[in-house]
């Protein structure tokens, strides 16, 4: 299995001396040149990238894409991205935000937008949508580089929230339901369908057999296919989804650990605490108290 390099927003900020905002990182994308044909990378935050010119080849969670000017890319936290190369005229603007920024938005949006990113990380934009997102980026960029705004953080979050609402509208218009009963499972359709079901059912069902049955596959076949396509196991993806949901509920609701455990169908609150600590290194209550 290929090694995955984790990129944190703090590390990106350290590489950019002009970056002074803790929860946002914005740049004209230099990662293609730095990581082309290198190891896969994974961000600890949520990524929005708008491609302006040129073409690039990449894969997201093992699914290969050819992107060009006018395309939009969304990456959920811990998605696995690999660049293969780009044309000389390639240009893109990328925003990376911490999970805290997403958690500050209404629950319906932060759940929807992460689900959209998992199901369909790239989308081709029409001219109107592209220009609208360019306008959003221009407003974000202007305030990102400002040193005089008293409410800089609040302004950035407001503009980013507006941008996500535009993106949510674009995705809802562009999604087309496939006839899964007759679909042929090649690698791309298999991974797309798997992530669609994870987004839909992870709160209630977290066994390989459940997802294999939904996709009319054997658990062994699904397990091998997902590892081969994405570089991570079925259970690793399910664990990531559950951990993210626990973090969101801890930071955005007053629900007790017991209530969250019940919401996510753990056998007990202690089982959830053990699961959370094993995956994050801290307890739910200590995580809730942090100001990351």
C-alpha atoms as a PDB file:
ATOM      1  CA  UNK A   1       0.000   0.000   0.000  1.00  0.00           C
ATOM      2  CA  UNK A   2       1.368   3.427  -1.021  1.00  0.00           C
ATOM      3  CA  UNK A   3       2.336   5.800   1.784  1.00  0.00           C
ATOM      4  CA  UNK A   4       0.041   8.815   2.213  1.00  0.00           C
ATOM      5  CA  UNK A   5       1.564  12.167   3.218  1.00  0.00           C
ATOM      6  CA  UNK A   6      -0.617  14.122   5.639  1.00  0.00           C
ATOM      7  CA  UNK A   7      -0.710  17.900   5.079  1.00  0.00           C
ATOM      8  CA  UNK A   8      -2.036  20.007   7.933  1.00  0.00           C
ATOM      9  CA  UNK A   9      -3.208  23.578   7.553  1.00  0.00           C
ATOM     10  CA  UNK A  10      -0.540  24.593  10.091  1.00  0.00           C
ATOM     11  CA  UNK A  11       2.178  23.097   7.878  1.00  0.00           C
ATOM     12  CA  UNK A  12       0.824  24.928   4.820  1.00  0.00           C
ATOM     13  CA  UNK A  13       0.793  28.176   6.755  1.00  0.00           C
ATOM     14  CA  UNK A  14       4.405  27.694   7.911  1.00  0.00           C
ATOM     15  CA  UNK A  15       5.449  27.414   4.253  1.00  0.00           C
ATOM     16  CA  UNK A  16       3.757  30.749   3.492  1.00  0.00           C
ATOM     17  CA  UNK A  17       5.262  33.616   5.476  1.00  0.00           C
ATOM     18  CA  UNK A  18       2.447  35.966   4.405  1.00  0.00           C
ATOM     19  CA  UNK A  19      -0.313  33.717   5.784  1.00  0.00           C
ATOM     20  CA  UNK A  20      -1.546  34.987   9.161  1.00  0.00           C
ATOM     21  CA  UNK A  21      -5.037  33.477   9.404  1.00  0.00           C
ATOM     22  CA  UNK A  22      -5.254  30.358  11.544  1.00  0.00           C
ATOM     23  CA  UNK A  23      -8.373  28.771  10.050  1.00  0.00           C
ATOM     24  CA  UNK A  24      -7.955  29.659   6.367  1.00  0.00           C
ATOM     25  CA  UNK A  25      -5.224  28.983   3.839  1.00  0.00           C
ATOM     26  CA  UNK A  26      -5.545  30.393   0.318  1.00  0.00           C
ATOM     27  CA  UNK A  27      -3.078  30.073  -2.534  1.00  0.00           C
ATOM     28  CA  UNK A  28      -2.649  29.801  -6.271  1.00  0.00           C
ATOM     29  CA  UNK A  29      -2.083  26.062  -6.450  1.00  0.00           C
ATOM     30  CA  UNK A  30       1.588  25.131  -6.384  1.00  0.00           C
ATOM     31  CA  UNK A  31       1.043  21.556  -5.234  1.00  0.00           C
ATOM     32  CA  UNK A  32       0.931  20.053  -8.720  1.00  0.00           C
ATOM     33  CA  UNK A  33       4.538  20.999  -9.359  1.00  0.00           C
ATOM     34  CA  UNK A  34       5.584  19.927  -5.887  1.00  0.00           C
ATOM     35  CA  UNK A  35       3.729  16.609  -5.733  1.00  0.00           C
ATOM     36  CA  UNK A  36       3.353  15.468  -9.368  1.00  0.00           C
ATOM     37  CA  UNK A  37       4.041  11.726  -9.572  1.00  0.00           C
ATOM     38  CA  UNK A  38       4.914  11.754  -5.868  1.00  0.00           C
ATOM     39  CA  UNK A  39       3.179  10.097  -2.926  1.00  0.00           C
ATOM     40  CA  UNK A  40      -0.550  10.662  -2.384  1.00  0.00           C
ATOM     41  CA  UNK A  41      -1.415  13.538  -0.053  1.00  0.00           C
ATOM     42  CA  UNK A  42      -4.249  14.089   2.383  1.00  0.00           C
ATOM     43  CA  UNK A  43      -5.379  17.362   3.983  1.00  0.00           C
ATOM     44  CA  UNK A  44      -6.698  17.578   7.537  1.00  0.00           C
ATOM     45  CA  UNK A  45      -9.119  20.321   6.475  1.00  0.00           C
ATOM     46  CA  UNK A  46     -11.808  20.893   3.863  1.00  0.00           C
ATOM     47  CA  UNK A  47     -10.536  21.938   0.423  1.00  0.00           C
ATOM     48  CA  UNK A  48     -12.222  23.953  -2.336  1.00  0.00           C
ATOM     49  CA  UNK A  49     -10.233  24.427  -5.555  1.00  0.00           C
ATOM     50  CA  UNK A  50     -11.316  26.338  -8.650  1.00  0.00           C
ATOM     51  CA  UNK A  51      -9.393  25.582 -11.839  1.00  0.00           C
ATOM     52  CA  UNK A  52      -8.872  28.651 -14.044  1.00  0.00           C
ATOM     53  CA  UNK A  53      -6.726  27.493 -16.972  1.00  0.00           C
ATOM     54  CA  UNK A  54      -4.827  24.479 -18.278  1.00  0.00           C
ATOM     55  CA  UNK A  55      -5.320  20.799 -17.541  1.00  0.00           C
ATOM     56  CA  UNK A  56      -4.197  18.431 -14.807  1.00  0.00           C
ATOM     57  CA  UNK A  57      -4.471  14.726 -14.036  1.00  0.00           C
ATOM     58  CA  UNK A  58      -5.139  13.541 -10.512  1.00  0.00           C
ATOM     59  CA  UNK A  59      -6.929  10.910  -8.481  1.00  0.00           C
ATOM     60  CA  UNK A  60      -9.195  11.332  -5.454  1.00  0.00           C
ATOM     61  CA  UNK A  61      -9.631   8.261  -3.268  1.00  0.00           C
ATOM     62  CA  UNK A  62      -8.326   6.136  -6.148  1.00  0.00           C
ATOM     63  CA  UNK A  63     -10.742   7.550  -8.735  1.00  0.00           C
ATOM     64  CA  UNK A  64      -8.839   9.236 -11.589  1.00  0.00           C
ATOM     65  CA  UNK A  65      -9.887  12.607 -12.996  1.00  0.00           C
ATOM     66  CA  UNK A  66      -8.767  14.893 -15.793  1.00  0.00           C
ATOM     67  CA  UNK A  67      -9.583  18.449 -14.785  1.00  0.00           C
ATOM     68  CA  UNK A  68      -9.327  21.683 -16.744  1.00  0.00           C
ATOM     69  CA  UNK A  69     -10.159  25.363 -16.537  1.00  0.00           C
ATOM     70  CA  UNK A  70     -13.751  25.788 -15.372  1.00  0.00           C
ATOM     71  CA  UNK A  71     -13.768  22.733 -13.094  1.00  0.00           C
ATOM     72  CA  UNK A  72     -14.401  22.714  -9.350  1.00  0.00           C
ATOM     73  CA  UNK A  73     -12.771  20.330  -6.862  1.00  0.00           C
ATOM     74  CA  UNK A  74     -14.023  19.569  -3.339  1.00  0.00           C
ATOM     75  CA  UNK A  75     -12.054  17.435  -0.896  1.00  0.00           C
ATOM     76  CA  UNK A  76     -13.561  16.181   2.345  1.00  0.00           C
ATOM     77  CA  UNK A  77     -11.192  15.980   5.327  1.00  0.00           C
ATOM     78  CA  UNK A  78      -8.727  13.074   4.953  1.00  0.00           C
ATOM     79  CA  UNK A  79      -9.583  12.436   1.282  1.00  0.00           C
ATOM     80  CA  UNK A  80      -6.579  10.961  -0.547  1.00  0.00           C
ATOM     81  CA  UNK A  81      -5.341  13.111  -3.449  1.00  0.00           C
ATOM     82  CA  UNK A  82      -2.601  12.237  -5.930  1.00  0.00           C
ATOM     83  CA  UNK A  83      -1.324  14.520  -8.680  1.00  0.00           C
ATOM     84  CA  UNK A  84       0.096  12.995 -11.862  1.00  0.00           C
ATOM     85  CA  UNK A  85       0.992  16.165 -13.748  1.00  0.00           C
ATOM     86  CA  UNK A  86      -0.316  19.333 -15.400  1.00  0.00           C
ATOM     87  CA  UNK A  87       0.110  21.455 -18.514  1.00  0.00           C
ATOM     88  CA  UNK A  88       2.388  24.530 -18.310  1.00  0.00           C
ATOM     89  CA  UNK A  89      -0.584  26.912 -18.327  1.00  0.00           C
ATOM     90  CA  UNK A  90      -2.267  25.190 -15.380  1.00  0.00           C
ATOM     91  CA  UNK A  91      -3.649  27.602 -12.772  1.00  0.00           C
ATOM     92  CA  UNK A  92      -5.996  27.026  -9.852  1.00  0.00           C
ATOM     93  CA  UNK A  93      -6.951  28.794  -6.658  1.00  0.00           C
ATOM     94  CA  UNK A  94      -7.292  26.637  -3.569  1.00  0.00           C
ATOM     95  CA  UNK A  95      -8.831  27.320  -0.168  1.00  0.00           C
ATOM     96  CA  UNK A  96      -8.146  25.004   2.767  1.00  0.00           C
ATOM     97  CA  UNK A  97     -10.179  25.589   5.922  1.00  0.00           C
ATOM     98  CA  UNK A  98     -10.104  23.850   9.258  1.00  0.00           C
ATOM     99  CA  UNK A  99     -12.955  21.610  10.297  1.00  0.00           C
ATOM    100  CA  UNK A 100     -13.877  24.268  12.872  1.00  0.00           C
ATOM    101  CA  UNK A 101     -14.913  26.636  10.071  1.00  0.00           C
ATOM    102  CA  UNK A 102     -17.250  24.016   8.585  1.00  0.00           C
ATOM    103  CA  UNK A 103     -18.638  23.182  12.021  1.00  0.00           C
ATOM    104  CA  UNK A 104     -19.630  26.822  12.559  1.00  0.00           C
ATOM    105  CA  UNK A 105     -22.122  26.587   9.703  1.00  0.00           C
ATOM    106  CA  UNK A 106     -25.656  25.149  10.038  1.00  0.00           C
ATOM    107  CA  UNK A 107     -25.672  21.361  10.488  1.00  0.00           C
ATOM    108  CA  UNK A 108     -27.580  20.781   7.248  1.00  0.00           C
ATOM    109  CA  UNK A 109     -24.896  22.546   5.187  1.00  0.00           C
ATOM    110  CA  UNK A 110     -21.808  21.042   6.827  1.00  0.00           C
ATOM    111  CA  UNK A 111     -23.276  17.548   6.486  1.00  0.00           C
ATOM    112  CA  UNK A 112     -24.409  18.093   2.888  1.00  0.00           C
ATOM    113  CA  UNK A 113     -21.180  19.672   1.666  1.00  0.00           C
ATOM    114  CA  UNK A 114     -18.980  16.904   3.095  1.00  0.00           C
ATOM    115  CA  UNK A 115     -21.283  14.278   1.608  1.00  0.00           C
ATOM    116  CA  UNK A 116     -21.117  16.019  -1.775  1.00  0.00           C
ATOM    117  CA  UNK A 117     -17.318  16.055  -1.649  1.00  0.00           C
ATOM    118  CA  UNK A 118     -17.200  12.344  -0.879  1.00  0.00           C
ATOM    119  CA  UNK A 119     -19.702  11.373  -3.574  1.00  0.00           C
ATOM    120  CA  UNK A 120     -18.465  13.600  -6.369  1.00  0.00           C
ATOM    121  CA  UNK A 121     -15.245  15.557  -5.783  1.00  0.00           C
ATOM    122  CA  UNK A 122     -15.174  17.273  -9.208  1.00  0.00           C
ATOM    123  CA  UNK A 123     -17.813  19.036 -11.264  1.00  0.00           C
ATOM    124  CA  UNK A 124     -17.725  20.935 -14.565  1.00  0.00           C
ATOM    125  CA  UNK A 125     -19.098  24.466 -14.201  1.00  0.00           C
ATOM    126  CA  UNK A 126     -21.078  26.508 -16.679  1.00  0.00           C
ATOM    127  CA  UNK A 127     -19.913  30.079 -17.336  1.00  0.00           C
ATOM    128  CA  UNK A 128     -22.403  31.677 -14.936  1.00  0.00           C
ATOM    129  CA  UNK A 129     -21.498  29.371 -12.039  1.00  0.00           C
ATOM    130  CA  UNK A 130     -17.771  29.743 -12.737  1.00  0.00           C
ATOM    131  CA  UNK A 131     -17.954  33.536 -12.743  1.00  0.00           C
ATOM    132  CA  UNK A 132     -20.010  33.522  -9.531  1.00  0.00           C
ATOM    133  CA  UNK A 133     -17.408  31.370  -7.754  1.00  0.00           C
ATOM    134  CA  UNK A 134     -14.619  33.572  -9.129  1.00  0.00           C
ATOM    135  CA  UNK A 135     -16.399  36.567  -7.584  1.00  0.00           C
ATOM    136  CA  UNK A 136     -16.637  34.710  -4.256  1.00  0.00           C
ATOM    137  CA  UNK A 137     -12.919  33.906  -4.392  1.00  0.00           C
ATOM    138  CA  UNK A 138     -12.077  37.518  -5.198  1.00  0.00           C
ATOM    139  CA  UNK A 139     -13.956  38.725  -2.102  1.00  0.00           C
ATOM    140  CA  UNK A 140     -12.333  36.070   0.075  1.00  0.00           C
ATOM    141  CA  UNK A 141      -8.878  36.852  -1.341  1.00  0.00           C
ATOM    142  CA  UNK A 142      -9.247  40.591  -0.805  1.00  0.00           C
ATOM    143  CA  UNK A 143     -10.140  40.127   2.870  1.00  0.00           C
ATOM    144  CA  UNK A 144      -7.677  37.264   3.359  1.00  0.00           C
ATOM    145  CA  UNK A 145      -4.817  39.633   2.537  1.00  0.00           C
ATOM    146  CA  UNK A 146      -6.233  42.583   4.470  1.00  0.00           C
ATOM    147  CA  UNK A 147      -4.452  43.781   7.604  1.00  0.00           C
ATOM    148  CA  UNK A 148      -6.956  46.498   8.513  1.00  0.00           C
ATOM    149  CA  UNK A 149     -10.282  44.654   8.892  1.00  0.00           C
ATOM    150  CA  UNK A 150     -11.433  44.522  12.516  1.00  0.00           C
ATOM    151  CA  UNK A 151     -13.772  41.595  11.827  1.00  0.00           C
ATOM    152  CA  UNK A 152     -11.551  39.754   9.394  1.00  0.00           C
ATOM    153  CA  UNK A 153     -12.385  36.251  10.625  1.00  0.00           C
ATOM    154  CA  UNK A 154     -16.132  36.876  10.609  1.00  0.00           C
ATOM    155  CA  UNK A 155     -15.968  38.421   7.119  1.00  0.00           C
ATOM    156  CA  UNK A 156     -13.948  35.485   5.743  1.00  0.00           C
ATOM    157  CA  UNK A 157     -16.331  32.945   7.255  1.00  0.00           C
ATOM    158  CA  UNK A 158     -19.369  34.810   5.887  1.00  0.00           C
ATOM    159  CA  UNK A 159     -17.981  34.965   2.342  1.00  0.00           C
ATOM    160  CA  UNK A 160     -16.904  31.313   2.521  1.00  0.00           C
ATOM    161  CA  UNK A 161     -20.356  30.320   3.774  1.00  0.00           C
ATOM    162  CA  UNK A 162     -21.913  32.144   0.812  1.00  0.00           C
ATOM    163  CA  UNK A 163     -19.510  30.333  -1.524  1.00  0.00           C
ATOM    164  CA  UNK A 164     -20.506  26.947  -0.082  1.00  0.00           C
ATOM    165  CA  UNK A 165     -24.186  27.783  -0.575  1.00  0.00           C
ATOM    166  CA  UNK A 166     -23.465  28.520  -4.240  1.00  0.00           C
ATOM    167  CA  UNK A 167     -21.529  25.246  -4.532  1.00  0.00           C
ATOM    168  CA  UNK A 168     -24.352  23.327  -2.835  1.00  0.00           C
ATOM    169  CA  UNK A 169     -26.801  24.715  -5.366  1.00  0.00           C
ATOM    170  CA  UNK A 170     -24.501  23.760  -8.255  1.00  0.00           C
ATOM    171  CA  UNK A 171     -24.148  20.201  -6.984  1.00  0.00           C
ATOM    172  CA  UNK A 172     -27.856  19.696  -6.442  1.00  0.00           C
ATOM    173  CA  UNK A 173     -28.532  20.826  -9.999  1.00  0.00           C
ATOM    174  CA  UNK A 174     -25.826  18.628 -11.494  1.00  0.00           C
ATOM    175  CA  UNK A 175     -26.427  15.365  -9.637  1.00  0.00           C
ATOM    176  CA  UNK A 176     -28.180  12.741 -11.703  1.00  0.00           C
ATOM    177  CA  UNK A 177     -29.478   9.537 -10.157  1.00  0.00           C
ATOM    178  CA  UNK A 178     -27.978   6.476 -11.792  1.00  0.00           C
ATOM    179  CA  UNK A 179     -29.887   3.253 -12.313  1.00  0.00           C
ATOM    180  CA  UNK A 180     -27.822   1.171  -9.939  1.00  0.00           C
ATOM    181  CA  UNK A 181     -29.752  -2.031 -10.617  1.00  0.00           C
ATOM    182  CA  UNK A 182     -28.381  -2.207 -14.153  1.00  0.00           C
ATOM    183  CA  UNK A 183     -25.063  -0.417 -13.686  1.00  0.00           C
ATOM    184  CA  UNK A 184     -21.867  -2.297 -14.427  1.00  0.00           C
ATOM    185  CA  UNK A 185     -19.426  -2.081 -11.585  1.00  0.00           C
ATOM    186  CA  UNK A 186     -16.160  -0.827 -12.961  1.00  0.00           C
ATOM    187  CA  UNK A 187     -13.714   0.706 -10.494  1.00  0.00           C
ATOM    188  CA  UNK A 188     -15.043   4.245 -10.762  1.00  0.00           C
ATOM    189  CA  UNK A 189     -18.711   3.294 -10.359  1.00  0.00           C
ATOM    190  CA  UNK A 190     -17.881   0.961  -7.494  1.00  0.00           C
ATOM    191  CA  UNK A 191     -16.066   3.643  -5.482  1.00  0.00           C
ATOM    192  CA  UNK A 192     -18.730   6.271  -6.313  1.00  0.00           C
ATOM    193  CA  UNK A 193     -21.492   3.946  -5.146  1.00  0.00           C
ATOM    194  CA  UNK A 194     -19.603   2.944  -2.006  1.00  0.00           C
ATOM    195  CA  UNK A 195     -19.072   6.566  -0.916  1.00  0.00           C
ATOM    196  CA  UNK A 196     -22.700   7.382  -1.704  1.00  0.00           C
ATOM    197  CA  UNK A 197     -23.846   4.601   0.624  1.00  0.00           C
ATOM    198  CA  UNK A 198     -21.324   5.573   3.319  1.00  0.00           C
ATOM    199  CA  UNK A 199     -22.675   9.141   3.322  1.00  0.00           C
ATOM    200  CA  UNK A 200     -26.223   7.768   3.563  1.00  0.00           C
ATOM    201  CA  UNK A 201     -25.859   4.955   6.099  1.00  0.00           C
ATOM    202  CA  UNK A 202     -22.681   5.353   8.211  1.00  0.00           C
ATOM    203  CA  UNK A 203     -24.564   6.536  11.292  1.00  0.00           C
ATOM    204  CA  UNK A 204     -26.539   3.299  11.481  1.00  0.00           C
ATOM    205  CA  UNK A 205     -24.493   0.635   9.687  1.00  0.00           C
ATOM    206  CA  UNK A 206     -20.761   0.082   9.983  1.00  0.00           C
ATOM    207  CA  UNK A 207     -19.998  -3.411   8.711  1.00  0.00           C
ATOM    208  CA  UNK A 208     -18.410  -4.457   5.441  1.00  0.00           C
ATOM    209  CA  UNK A 209     -21.240  -6.954   4.910  1.00  0.00           C
ATOM    210  CA  UNK A 210     -23.917  -4.247   4.980  1.00  0.00           C
ATOM    211  CA  UNK A 211     -22.292  -2.244   2.160  1.00  0.00           C
ATOM    212  CA  UNK A 212     -21.399  -5.359   0.196  1.00  0.00           C
ATOM    213  CA  UNK A 213     -25.044  -6.480   0.360  1.00  0.00           C
ATOM    214  CA  UNK A 214     -26.259  -3.046  -0.780  1.00  0.00           C
ATOM    215  CA  UNK A 215     -23.929  -3.268  -3.787  1.00  0.00           C
ATOM    216  CA  UNK A 216     -24.657  -6.957  -4.516  1.00  0.00           C
ATOM    217  CA  UNK A 217     -21.022  -7.895  -3.905  1.00  0.00           C
ATOM    218  CA  UNK A 218     -19.276 -10.252  -1.514  1.00  0.00           C
ATOM    219  CA  UNK A 219     -17.617  -8.636   1.521  1.00  0.00           C
ATOM    220  CA  UNK A 220     -14.242 -10.016   0.422  1.00  0.00           C
ATOM    221  CA  UNK A 221     -14.556  -8.524  -3.060  1.00  0.00           C
ATOM    222  CA  UNK A 222     -15.676  -5.122  -1.762  1.00  0.00           C
ATOM    223  CA  UNK A 223     -12.874  -5.021   0.818  1.00  0.00           C
ATOM    224  CA  UNK A 224     -10.168  -5.816  -1.726  1.00  0.00           C
ATOM    225  CA  UNK A 225     -11.625  -3.442  -4.326  1.00  0.00           C
ATOM    226  CA  UNK A 226     -11.852  -0.434  -1.979  1.00  0.00           C
ATOM    227  CA  UNK A 227      -8.289  -0.912  -0.713  1.00  0.00           C
ATOM    228  CA  UNK A 228      -7.050  -1.288  -4.285  1.00  0.00           C
ATOM    229  CA  UNK A 229      -8.942   1.778  -5.563  1.00  0.00           C
ATOM    230  CA  UNK A 230      -8.549   4.192  -2.628  1.00  0.00           C
ATOM    231  CA  UNK A 231      -5.573   2.937  -0.621  1.00  0.00           C
ATOM    232  CA  UNK A 232      -7.731   2.697   2.518  1.00  0.00           C
ATOM    233  CA  UNK A 233      -9.980  -0.054   3.838  1.00  0.00           C
ATOM    234  CA  UNK A 234     -13.774  -0.021   4.070  1.00  0.00           C
ATOM    235  CA  UNK A 235     -13.564   0.166   7.857  1.00  0.00           C
ATOM    236  CA  UNK A 236     -11.047   3.022   7.718  1.00  0.00           C
ATOM    237  CA  UNK A 237     -13.456   5.094   5.603  1.00  0.00           C
ATOM    238  CA  UNK A 238     -16.348   4.278   7.942  1.00  0.00           C
ATOM    239  CA  UNK A 239     -14.236   5.195  10.981  1.00  0.00           C
ATOM    240  CA  UNK A 240     -13.289   8.519   9.344  1.00  0.00           C
ATOM    241  CA  UNK A 241     -16.947   9.344   8.705  1.00  0.00           C
ATOM    242  CA  UNK A 242     -17.976   8.499  12.287  1.00  0.00           C
ATOM    243  CA  UNK A 243     -15.084  10.419  13.873  1.00  0.00           C
ATOM    244  CA  UNK A 244     -15.935  13.472  11.793  1.00  0.00           C
ATOM    245  CA  UNK A 245     -19.604  13.262  12.834  1.00  0.00           C
ATOM    246  CA  UNK A 246     -18.689  12.911  16.522  1.00  0.00           C
ATOM    247  CA  UNK A 247     -16.434  15.978  16.269  1.00  0.00           C
ATOM    248  CA  UNK A 248     -19.183  17.986  14.594  1.00  0.00           C
ATOM    249  CA  UNK A 249     -21.764  17.028  17.235  1.00  0.00           C
ATOM    250  CA  UNK A 250     -19.318  17.751  20.079  1.00  0.00           C
ATOM    251  CA  UNK A 251     -18.563  21.231  18.772  1.00  0.00           C
ATOM    252  CA  UNK A 252     -21.937  22.294  17.398  1.00  0.00           C
ATOM    253  CA  UNK A 253     -24.463  20.785  19.812  1.00  0.00           C
ATOM    254  CA  UNK A 254     -24.971  20.494  23.562  1.00  0.00           C
ATOM    255  CA  UNK A 255     -25.608  16.764  23.274  1.00  0.00           C
ATOM    256  CA  UNK A 256     -23.999  14.659  25.969  1.00  0.00           C
ATOM    257  CA  UNK A 257     -21.515  11.926  25.134  1.00  0.00           C
ATOM    258  CA  UNK A 258     -24.260   9.417  25.936  1.00  0.00           C
ATOM    259  CA  UNK A 259     -26.672  11.124  23.525  1.00  0.00           C
ATOM    260  CA  UNK A 260     -24.091  11.249  20.738  1.00  0.00           C
ATOM    261  CA  UNK A 261     -23.278   7.582  21.298  1.00  0.00           C
ATOM    262  CA  UNK A 262     -26.988   6.777  21.052  1.00  0.00           C
ATOM    263  CA  UNK A 263     -27.381   8.933  17.912  1.00  0.00           C
ATOM    264  CA  UNK A 264     -24.577   6.977  16.242  1.00  0.00           C
ATOM    265  CA  UNK A 265     -25.791   3.580  17.503  1.00  0.00           C
ATOM    266  CA  UNK A 266     -22.801   2.669  19.686  1.00  0.00           C
ATOM    267  CA  UNK A 267     -23.497  -0.110  22.178  1.00  0.00           C
ATOM    268  CA  UNK A 268     -22.654   2.275  25.029  1.00  0.00           C
ATOM    269  CA  UNK A 269     -21.117   5.665  25.696  1.00  0.00           C
ATOM    270  CA  UNK A 270     -17.933   3.985  26.946  1.00  0.00           C
ATOM    271  CA  UNK A 271     -17.647   2.125  23.626  1.00  0.00           C
ATOM    272  CA  UNK A 272     -17.805   5.453  21.789  1.00  0.00           C
ATOM    273  CA  UNK A 273     -15.249   7.020  24.142  1.00  0.00           C
ATOM    274  CA  UNK A 274     -12.842   4.137  23.508  1.00  0.00           C
ATOM    275  CA  UNK A 275     -13.409   4.362  19.759  1.00  0.00           C
ATOM    276  CA  UNK A 276     -12.876   8.140  19.728  1.00  0.00           C
ATOM    277  CA  UNK A 277      -9.737   8.020  21.878  1.00  0.00           C
ATOM    278  CA  UNK A 278      -8.245   5.212  19.776  1.00  0.00           C
ATOM    279  CA  UNK A 279      -8.678   7.279  16.609  1.00  0.00           C
ATOM    280  CA  UNK A 280      -7.870  10.772  17.897  1.00  0.00           C
ATOM    281  CA  UNK A 281      -5.685  10.280  20.962  1.00  0.00           C
ATOM    282  CA  UNK A 282      -8.064  12.211  23.212  1.00  0.00           C
ATOM    283  CA  UNK A 283     -11.461  11.782  24.854  1.00  0.00           C
ATOM    284  CA  UNK A 284     -14.687  13.371  23.551  1.00  0.00           C
ATOM    285  CA  UNK A 285     -14.973  15.711  26.543  1.00  0.00           C
ATOM    286  CA  UNK A 286     -11.378  16.903  26.239  1.00  0.00           C
ATOM    287  CA  UNK A 287     -11.913  17.454  22.521  1.00  0.00           C
ATOM    288  CA  UNK A 288     -15.065  19.489  23.222  1.00  0.00           C
ATOM    289  CA  UNK A 289     -13.080  21.725  25.582  1.00  0.00           C
ATOM    290  CA  UNK A 290     -10.324  22.453  23.064  1.00  0.00           C
ATOM    291  CA  UNK A 291     -10.265  25.686  21.086  1.00  0.00           C
ATOM    292  CA  UNK A 292      -8.576  24.315  17.956  1.00  0.00           C
END
